Each structure stands twice: as C-alpha cells, then as structure tokens.
Amino acid sequence: DGAAAQLLAERIRQAISATPVPVTADKSEVITVSIGIAGCSAPRSVSDLKSLGESLLARADVALYRAKSEGRDRVAMD
C-alpha cells in the first residue's frame, strides 16, 4: 500500500544519506536522493499493462520532480 511504499522509500533515502561515499583515499562525500512514488490498482487485462506502466512511470516522475522542487533529499508520493 501507499504508506508502506512511502516508509520503505524513506528508509532507503535515510540509508543513502547516512552512507558516505569515498571520493579519494582521505575524502568522502555524503550523497542524497529524491524519490518519487506512484501507486496503482491491478490492471483489468494484460492489454492494459503497457498503458498502466507508462502512466505509473509518468506519475512517479511528477512526484520525483515535486520532491526535488520541495528541497531535494525527500520522498514525494503521487
């Protein structure tokens, strides 16, 4: 469900920002991630899968850009 997806995405976001990435032998950088989530109901038929997938991806992309515009390093759900 949506709440579980958002919780998982938030855990992933926190784990990424808590894990410094080595840049050189003596320097590490902290990276961040923005995540966009979109949910859907099961398709009624196999022929609906392509349009469902395209719609789901487009909605997740909108949510991702909303997360970035709200300050980055966030999770946003459609």
PDB file of N, CA and C in Angstrom:
ATOM      1  N   ASP A   1       0.823  -1.192   0.000  1.00  0.00           N
ATOM      2  CA  ASP A   1       0.000   0.000   0.000  1.00  0.00           C
ATOM      3  C   ASP A   1       0.862   1.248   0.000  1.00  0.00           C
ATOM      4  N   GLY A   2       0.224   2.402  -0.119  1.00  0.00           N
ATOM      5  CA  GLY A   2       0.951   3.656  -0.238  1.00  0.00           C
ATOM      6  C   GLY A   2       1.806   4.000   0.965  1.00  0.00           C
ATOM      7  N   ALA A   3       1.268   3.775   2.160  1.00  0.00           N
ATOM      8  CA  ALA A   3       2.020   4.100   3.372  1.00  0.00           C
ATOM      9  C   ALA A   3       3.267   3.229   3.493  1.00  0.00           C
ATOM     10  N   ALA A   4       3.142   1.959   3.159  1.00  0.00           N
ATOM     11  CA  ALA A   4       4.296   1.055   3.220  1.00  0.00           C
ATOM     12  C   ALA A   4       5.348   1.444   2.186  1.00  0.00           C
ATOM     13  N   ALA A   5       4.911   1.821   0.998  1.00  0.00           N
ATOM     14  CA  ALA A   5       5.851   2.249  -0.046  1.00  0.00           C
ATOM     15  C   ALA A   5       6.583   3.511   0.379  1.00  0.00           C
ATOM     16  N   GLN A   6       5.852   4.435   0.975  1.00  0.00           N
ATOM     17  CA  GLN A   6       6.471   5.681   1.421  1.00  0.00           C
ATOM     18  C   GLN A   6       7.466   5.414   2.552  1.00  0.00           C
ATOM     19  N   LEU A   7       7.120   4.529   3.472  1.00  0.00           N
ATOM     20  CA  LEU A   7       8.023   4.176   4.565  1.00  0.00           C
ATOM     21  C   LEU A   7       9.298   3.521   4.033  1.00  0.00           C
ATOM     22  N   LEU A   8       9.163   2.603   3.097  1.00  0.00           N
ATOM     23  CA  LEU A   8      10.329   1.947   2.504  1.00  0.00           C
ATOM     24  C   LEU A   8      11.209   2.953   1.769  1.00  0.00           C
ATOM     25  N   ALA A   9      10.599   3.834   0.996  1.00  0.00           N
ATOM     26  CA  ALA A   9      11.366   4.852   0.270  1.00  0.00           C
ATOM     27  C   ALA A   9      12.100   5.769   1.242  1.00  0.00           C
ATOM     28  N   GLU A  10      11.465   6.117   2.340  1.00  0.00           N
ATOM     29  CA  GLU A  10      12.102   6.974   3.349  1.00  0.00           C
ATOM     30  C   GLU A  10      13.286   6.246   3.990  1.00  0.00           C
ATOM     31  N   ARG A  11      13.145   4.973   4.253  1.00  0.00           N
ATOM     32  CA  ARG A  11      14.266   4.200   4.811  1.00  0.00           C
ATOM     33  C   ARG A  11      15.428   4.140   3.826  1.00  0.00           C
ATOM     34  N   ILE A  12      15.124   3.959   2.561  1.00  0.00           N
ATOM     35  CA  ILE A  12      16.169   3.950   1.530  1.00  0.00           C
ATOM     36  C   ILE A  12      16.849   5.309   1.471  1.00  0.00           C
ATOM     37  N   ARG A  13      16.064   6.378   1.480  1.00  0.00           N
ATOM     38  CA  ARG A  13      16.619   7.734   1.441  1.00  0.00           C
ATOM     39  C   ARG A  13      17.553   7.974   2.621  1.00  0.00           C
ATOM     40  N   GLN A  14      17.124   7.589   3.813  1.00  0.00           N
ATOM     41  CA  GLN A  14      17.946   7.778   5.008  1.00  0.00           C
ATOM     42  C   GLN A  14      19.228   6.950   4.955  1.00  0.00           C
ATOM     43  N   ALA A  15      19.132   5.715   4.470  1.00  0.00           N
ATOM     44  CA  ALA A  15      20.319   4.856   4.381  1.00  0.00           C
ATOM     45  C   ALA A  15      21.344   5.428   3.411  1.00  0.00           C
ATOM     46  N   ILE A  16      20.875   5.966   2.304  1.00  0.00           N
ATOM     47  CA  ILE A  16      21.795   6.557   1.325  1.00  0.00           C
ATOM     48  C   ILE A  16      22.489   7.774   1.914  1.00  0.00           C
ATOM     49  N   SER A  17      21.739   8.650   2.566  1.00  0.00           N
ATOM     50  CA  SER A  17      22.353   9.865   3.111  1.00  0.00           C
ATOM     51  C   SER A  17      23.228   9.572   4.330  1.00  0.00           C
ATOM     52  N   ALA A  18      23.059   8.412   4.952  1.00  0.00           N
ATOM     53  CA  ALA A  18      23.877   8.041   6.110  1.00  0.00           C
ATOM     54  C   ALA A  18      25.138   7.275   5.716  1.00  0.00           C
ATOM     55  N   THR A  19      25.328   7.047   4.428  1.00  0.00           N
ATOM     56  CA  THR A  19      26.468   6.256   3.957  1.00  0.00           C
ATOM     57  C   THR A  19      27.394   7.128   3.113  1.00  0.00           C
ATOM     58  N   PRO A  20      28.483   7.648   3.725  1.00  0.00           N
ATOM     59  CA  PRO A  20      29.427   8.458   2.948  1.00  0.00           C
ATOM     60  C   PRO A  20      30.052   7.647   1.811  1.00  0.00           C
ATOM     61  N   VAL A  21      30.269   8.314   0.696  1.00  0.00           N
ATOM     62  CA  VAL A  21      30.852   7.675  -0.481  1.00  0.00           C
ATOM     63  C   VAL A  21      32.301   8.144  -0.608  1.00  0.00           C
ATOM     64  N   PRO A  22      33.266   7.206  -0.600  1.00  0.00           N
ATOM     65  CA  PRO A  22      34.667   7.610  -0.738  1.00  0.00           C
ATOM     66  C   PRO A  22      34.924   8.242  -2.112  1.00  0.00           C
ATOM     67  N   VAL A  23      35.557   9.404  -2.077  1.00  0.00           N
ATOM     68  CA  VAL A  23      35.901  10.107  -3.313  1.00  0.00           C
ATOM     69  C   VAL A  23      37.391   9.924  -3.603  1.00  0.00           C
ATOM     70  N   THR A  24      38.185  10.070  -2.578  1.00  0.00           N
ATOM     71  CA  THR A  24      39.624   9.807  -2.656  1.00  0.00           C
ATOM     72  C   THR A  24      39.985   8.990  -1.416  1.00  0.00           C
ATOM     73  N   ALA A  25      41.259   8.679  -1.265  1.00  0.00           N
ATOM     74  CA  ALA A  25      41.690   7.875  -0.120  1.00  0.00           C
ATOM     75  C   ALA A  25      41.387   8.554   1.212  1.00  0.00           C
ATOM     76  N   ASP A  26      41.376   9.880   1.232  1.00  0.00           N
ATOM     77  CA  ASP A  26      41.161  10.587   2.500  1.00  0.00           C
ATOM     78  C   ASP A  26      39.921  11.483   2.509  1.00  0.00           C
ATOM     79  N   LYS A  27      39.046  11.333   1.544  1.00  0.00           N
ATOM     80  CA  LYS A  27      37.868  12.199   1.488  1.00  0.00           C
ATOM     81  C   LYS A  27      36.626  11.400   1.093  1.00  0.00           C
ATOM     82  N   SER A  28      35.549  11.663   1.810  1.00  0.00           N
ATOM     83  CA  SER A  28      34.252  11.060   1.491  1.00  0.00           C
ATOM     84  C   SER A  28      33.220  12.163   1.337  1.00  0.00           C
ATOM     85  N   GLU A  29      32.204  11.901   0.570  1.00  0.00           N
ATOM     86  CA  GLU A  29      31.099  12.841   0.369  1.00  0.00           C
ATOM     87  C   GLU A  29      29.792  12.159   0.757  1.00  0.00           C
ATOM     88  N   VAL A  30      28.885  12.951   1.279  1.00  0.00           N
ATOM     89  CA  VAL A  30      27.541  12.459   1.569  1.00  0.00           C
ATOM     90  C   VAL A  30      26.682  12.764   0.350  1.00  0.00           C
ATOM     91  N   ILE A  31      25.969  11.764  -0.123  1.00  0.00           N
ATOM     92  CA  ILE A  31      25.063  11.991  -1.242  1.00  0.00           C
ATOM     93  C   ILE A  31      23.627  11.905  -0.738  1.00  0.00           C
ATOM     94  N   THR A  32      22.739  12.490  -1.483  1.00  0.00           N
ATOM     95  CA  THR A  32      21.322  12.457  -1.132  1.00  0.00           C
ATOM     96  C   THR A  32      20.530  11.931  -2.325  1.00  0.00           C
ATOM     97  N   VAL A  33      19.283  11.602  -2.068  1.00  0.00           N
ATOM     98  CA  VAL A  33      18.426  11.088  -3.130  1.00  0.00           C
ATOM     99  C   VAL A  33      17.016  11.624  -2.930  1.00  0.00           C
ATOM    100  N   SER A  34      16.381  11.942  -4.015  1.00  0.00           N
ATOM    101  CA  SER A  34      14.957  12.266  -4.008  1.00  0.00           C
ATOM    102  C   SER A  34      14.241  11.102  -4.679  1.00  0.00           C
ATOM    103  N   ILE A  35      13.093  10.728  -4.128  1.00  0.00           N
ATOM    104  CA  ILE A  35      12.360   9.570  -4.632  1.00  0.00           C
ATOM    105  C   ILE A  35      10.914   9.958  -4.892  1.00  0.00           C
ATOM    106  N   GLY A  36      10.422   9.600  -6.065  1.00  0.00           N
ATOM    107  CA  GLY A  36       9.017   9.809  -6.400  1.00  0.00           C
ATOM    108  C   GLY A  36       8.293   8.477  -6.441  1.00  0.00           C
ATOM    109  N   ILE A  37       7.136   8.417  -5.805  1.00  0.00           N
ATOM    110  CA  ILE A  37       6.368   7.171  -5.719  1.00  0.00           C
ATOM    111  C   ILE A  37       4.995   7.379  -6.339  1.00  0.00           C
ATOM    112  N   ALA A  38       4.533   6.380  -7.059  1.00  0.00           N
ATOM    113  CA  ALA A  38       3.162   6.368  -7.581  1.00  0.00           C
ATOM    114  C   ALA A  38       2.619   4.958  -7.407  1.00  0.00           C
ATOM    115  N   GLY A  39       1.372   4.859  -7.060  1.00  0.00           N
ATOM    116  CA  GLY A  39       0.741   3.558  -6.881  1.00  0.00           C
ATOM    117  C   GLY A  39      -0.327   3.338  -7.933  1.00  0.00           C
ATOM    118  N   CYS A  40      -0.796   2.107  -8.004  1.00  0.00           N
ATOM    119  CA  CYS A  40      -1.840   1.790  -8.972  1.00  0.00           C
ATOM    120  C   CYS A  40      -2.611   0.559  -8.525  1.00  0.00           C
ATOM    121  N   SER A  41      -3.729   0.367  -9.133  1.00  0.00           N
ATOM    122  CA  SER A  41      -4.510  -0.854  -8.935  1.00  0.00           C
ATOM    123  C   SER A  41      -4.098  -1.857 -10.001  1.00  0.00           C
ATOM    124  N   ALA A  42      -4.390  -3.109  -9.751  1.00  0.00           N
ATOM    125  CA  ALA A  42      -4.067  -4.148 -10.729  1.00  0.00           C
ATOM    126  C   ALA A  42      -4.840  -3.902 -12.021  1.00  0.00           C
ATOM    127  N   PRO A  43      -4.193  -4.127 -13.167  1.00  0.00           N
ATOM    128  CA  PRO A  43      -4.883  -3.923 -14.447  1.00  0.00           C
ATOM    129  C   PRO A  43      -5.985  -4.962 -14.640  1.00  0.00           C
ATOM    130  N   ARG A  44      -6.981  -4.575 -15.405  1.00  0.00           N
ATOM    131  CA  ARG A  44      -8.092  -5.491 -15.678  1.00  0.00           C
ATOM    132  C   ARG A  44      -7.730  -6.555 -16.705  1.00  0.00           C
ATOM    133  N   SER A  45      -6.778  -6.231 -17.573  1.00  0.00           N
ATOM    134  CA  SER A  45      -6.380  -7.200 -18.597  1.00  0.00           C
ATOM    135  C   SER A  45      -4.909  -7.006 -18.938  1.00  0.00           C
ATOM    136  N   VAL A  46      -4.359  -7.983 -19.585  1.00  0.00           N
ATOM    137  CA  VAL A  46      -2.960  -7.919 -19.997  1.00  0.00           C
ATOM    138  C   VAL A  46      -2.739  -6.754 -20.959  1.00  0.00           C
ATOM    139  N   SER A  47      -3.721  -6.464 -21.791  1.00  0.00           N
ATOM    140  CA  SER A  47      -3.568  -5.371 -22.757  1.00  0.00           C
ATOM    141  C   SER A  47      -3.475  -4.009 -22.068  1.00  0.00           C
ATOM    142  N   ASP A  48      -3.931  -3.912 -20.828  1.00  0.00           N
ATOM    143  CA  ASP A  48      -3.842  -2.654 -20.078  1.00  0.00           C
ATOM    144  C   ASP A  48      -2.464  -2.431 -19.467  1.00  0.00           C
ATOM    145  N   LEU A  49      -1.619  -3.454 -19.462  1.00  0.00           N
ATOM    146  CA  LEU A  49      -0.329  -3.352 -18.784  1.00  0.00           C
ATOM    147  C   LEU A  49       0.561  -2.248 -19.335  1.00  0.00           C
ATOM    148  N   LYS A  50       0.650  -2.120 -20.649  1.00  0.00           N
ATOM    149  CA  LYS A  50       1.538  -1.116 -21.236  1.00  0.00           C
ATOM    150  C   LYS A  50       1.106   0.285 -20.843  1.00  0.00           C
ATOM    151  N   SER A  51      -0.165   0.602 -21.000  1.00  0.00           N
ATOM    152  CA  SER A  51      -0.619   1.952 -20.662  1.00  0.00           C
ATOM    153  C   SER A  51      -0.526   2.191 -19.160  1.00  0.00           C
ATOM    154  N   LEU A  52      -0.762   1.155 -18.360  1.00  0.00           N
ATOM    155  CA  LEU A  52      -0.631   1.289 -16.913  1.00  0.00           C
ATOM    156  C   LEU A  52       0.814   1.591 -16.542  1.00  0.00           C
ATOM    157  N   GLY A  53       1.747   0.856 -17.142  1.00  0.00           N
ATOM    158  CA  GLY A  53       3.161   1.087 -16.871  1.00  0.00           C
ATOM    159  C   GLY A  53       3.602   2.486 -17.258  1.00  0.00           C
ATOM    160  N   GLU A  54       3.160   2.953 -18.412  1.00  0.00           N
ATOM    161  CA  GLU A  54       3.514   4.305 -18.860  1.00  0.00           C
ATOM    162  C   GLU A  54       2.931   5.353 -17.921  1.00  0.00           C
ATOM    163  N   SER A  55       1.688   5.167 -17.517  1.00  0.00           N
ATOM    164  CA  SER A  55       1.036   6.106 -16.603  1.00  0.00           C
ATOM    165  C   SER A  55       1.724   6.113 -15.244  1.00  0.00           C
ATOM    166  N   LEU A  56       2.050   4.941 -14.749  1.00  0.00           N
ATOM    167  CA  LEU A  56       2.708   4.821 -13.454  1.00  0.00           C
ATOM    168  C   LEU A  56       4.066   5.509 -13.467  1.00  0.00           C
ATOM    169  N   LEU A  57       4.828   5.291 -14.519  1.00  0.00           N
ATOM    170  CA  LEU A  57       6.137   5.926 -14.645  1.00  0.00           C
ATOM    171  C   LEU A  57       6.006   7.442 -14.740  1.00  0.00           C
ATOM    172  N   ALA A  58       5.053   7.930 -15.501  1.00  0.00           N
ATOM    173  CA  ALA A  58       4.848   9.376 -15.638  1.00  0.00           C
ATOM    174  C   ALA A  58       4.460   9.998 -14.298  1.00  0.00           C
ATOM    175  N   ARG A  59       3.594   9.334 -13.551  1.00  0.00           N
ATOM    176  CA  ARG A  59       3.173   9.870 -12.252  1.00  0.00           C
ATOM    177  C   ARG A  59       4.308   9.840 -11.234  1.00  0.00           C
ATOM    178  N   ALA A  60       5.124   8.790 -11.264  1.00  0.00           N
ATOM    179  CA  ALA A  60       6.282   8.720 -10.372  1.00  0.00           C
ATOM    180  C   ALA A  60       7.284   9.815 -10.724  1.00  0.00           C
ATOM    181  N   ASP A  61       7.430  10.109 -12.006  1.00  0.00           N
ATOM    182  CA  ASP A  61       8.327  11.173 -12.453  1.00  0.00           C
ATOM    183  C   ASP A  61       7.845  12.530 -11.943  1.00  0.00           C
ATOM    184  N   VAL A  62       6.542  12.769 -12.006  1.00  0.00           N
ATOM    185  CA  VAL A  62       5.978  14.020 -11.478  1.00  0.00           C
ATOM    186  C   VAL A  62       6.254  14.115  -9.980  1.00  0.00           C
ATOM    187  N   ALA A  63       6.064  13.017  -9.260  1.00  0.00           N
ATOM    188  CA  ALA A  63       6.323  13.012  -7.818  1.00  0.00           C
ATOM    189  C   ALA A  63       7.802  13.263  -7.531  1.00  0.00           C
ATOM    190  N   LEU A  64       8.688  12.693  -8.339  1.00  0.00           N
ATOM    191  CA  LEU A  64      10.121  12.917  -8.171  1.00  0.00           C
ATOM    192  C   LEU A  64      10.466  14.391  -8.326  1.00  0.00           C
ATOM    193  N   TYR A  65       9.951  15.026  -9.366  1.00  0.00           N
ATOM    194  CA  TYR A  65      10.245  16.444  -9.573  1.00  0.00           C
ATOM    195  C   TYR A  65       9.639  17.307  -8.478  1.00  0.00           C
ATOM    196  N   ARG A  66       8.502  16.883  -7.919  1.00  0.00           N
ATOM    197  CA  ARG A  66       7.927  17.612  -6.786  1.00  0.00           C
ATOM    198  C   ARG A  66       8.851  17.488  -5.571  1.00  0.00           C
ATOM    199  N   ALA A  67       9.382  16.294  -5.328  1.00  0.00           N
ATOM    200  CA  ALA A  67      10.318  16.100  -4.215  1.00  0.00           C
ATOM    201  C   ALA A  67      11.542  16.993  -4.380  1.00  0.00           C
ATOM    202  N   LYS A  68      12.053  17.074  -5.596  1.00  0.00           N
ATOM    203  CA  LYS A  68      13.214  17.934  -5.845  1.00  0.00           C
ATOM    204  C   LYS A  68      12.874  19.403  -5.652  1.00  0.00           C
ATOM    205  N   SER A  69      11.709  19.822  -6.113  1.00  0.00           N
ATOM    206  CA  SER A  69      11.345  21.238  -6.006  1.00  0.00           C
ATOM    207  C   SER A  69      11.037  21.640  -4.569  1.00  0.00           C
ATOM    208  N   GLU A  70      10.708  20.671  -3.724  1.00  0.00           N
ATOM    209  CA  GLU A  70      10.419  20.963  -2.319  1.00  0.00           C
ATOM    210  C   GLU A  70      11.681  20.975  -1.465  1.00  0.00           C
ATOM    211  N   GLY A  71      12.837  20.856  -2.078  1.00  0.00           N
ATOM    212  CA  GLY A  71      14.078  20.979  -1.336  1.00  0.00           C
ATOM    213  C   GLY A  71      15.041  19.821  -1.486  1.00  0.00           C
ATOM    214  N   ARG A  72      14.738  18.879  -2.302  1.00  0.00           N
ATOM    215  CA  ARG A  72      15.590  17.717  -2.550  1.00  0.00           C
ATOM    216  C   ARG A  72      15.746  16.866  -1.293  1.00  0.00           C
ATOM    217  N   ASP A  73      16.393  15.715  -1.454  1.00  0.00           N
ATOM    218  CA  ASP A  73      16.582  14.759  -0.361  1.00  0.00           C
ATOM    219  C   ASP A  73      15.252  14.471   0.339  1.00  0.00           C
ATOM    220  N   ARG A  74      14.241  14.165  -0.471  1.00  0.00           N
ATOM    221  CA  ARG A  74      12.886  13.935   0.036  1.00  0.00           C
ATOM    222  C   ARG A  74      12.221  12.790  -0.707  1.00  0.00           C
ATOM    223  N   VAL A  75      11.111  12.364  -0.116  1.00  0.00           N
ATOM    224  CA  VAL A  75      10.238  11.381  -0.744  1.00  0.00           C
ATOM    225  C   VAL A  75       8.910  12.070  -1.005  1.00  0.00           C
ATOM    226  N   ALA A  76       8.393  11.943  -2.211  1.00  0.00           N
ATOM    227  CA  ALA A  76       7.075  12.503  -2.546  1.00  0.00           C
ATOM    228  C   ALA A  76       6.248  11.408  -3.199  1.00  0.00           C
ATOM    229  N   MET A  77       4.961  11.423  -2.897  1.00  0.00           N
ATOM    230  CA  MET A  77       4.063  10.401  -3.427  1.00  0.00           C
ATOM    231  C   MET A  77       2.961  11.041  -4.238  1.00  0.00           C
ATOM    232  N   ASP A  78       2.644  10.393  -5.380  1.00  0.00           N
ATOM    233  CA  ASP A  78       1.550  10.866  -6.234  1.00  0.00           C
ATOM    234  C   ASP A  78       0.241  10.396  -5.650  1.00  0.00           C
TER     235      ASP A  78
END
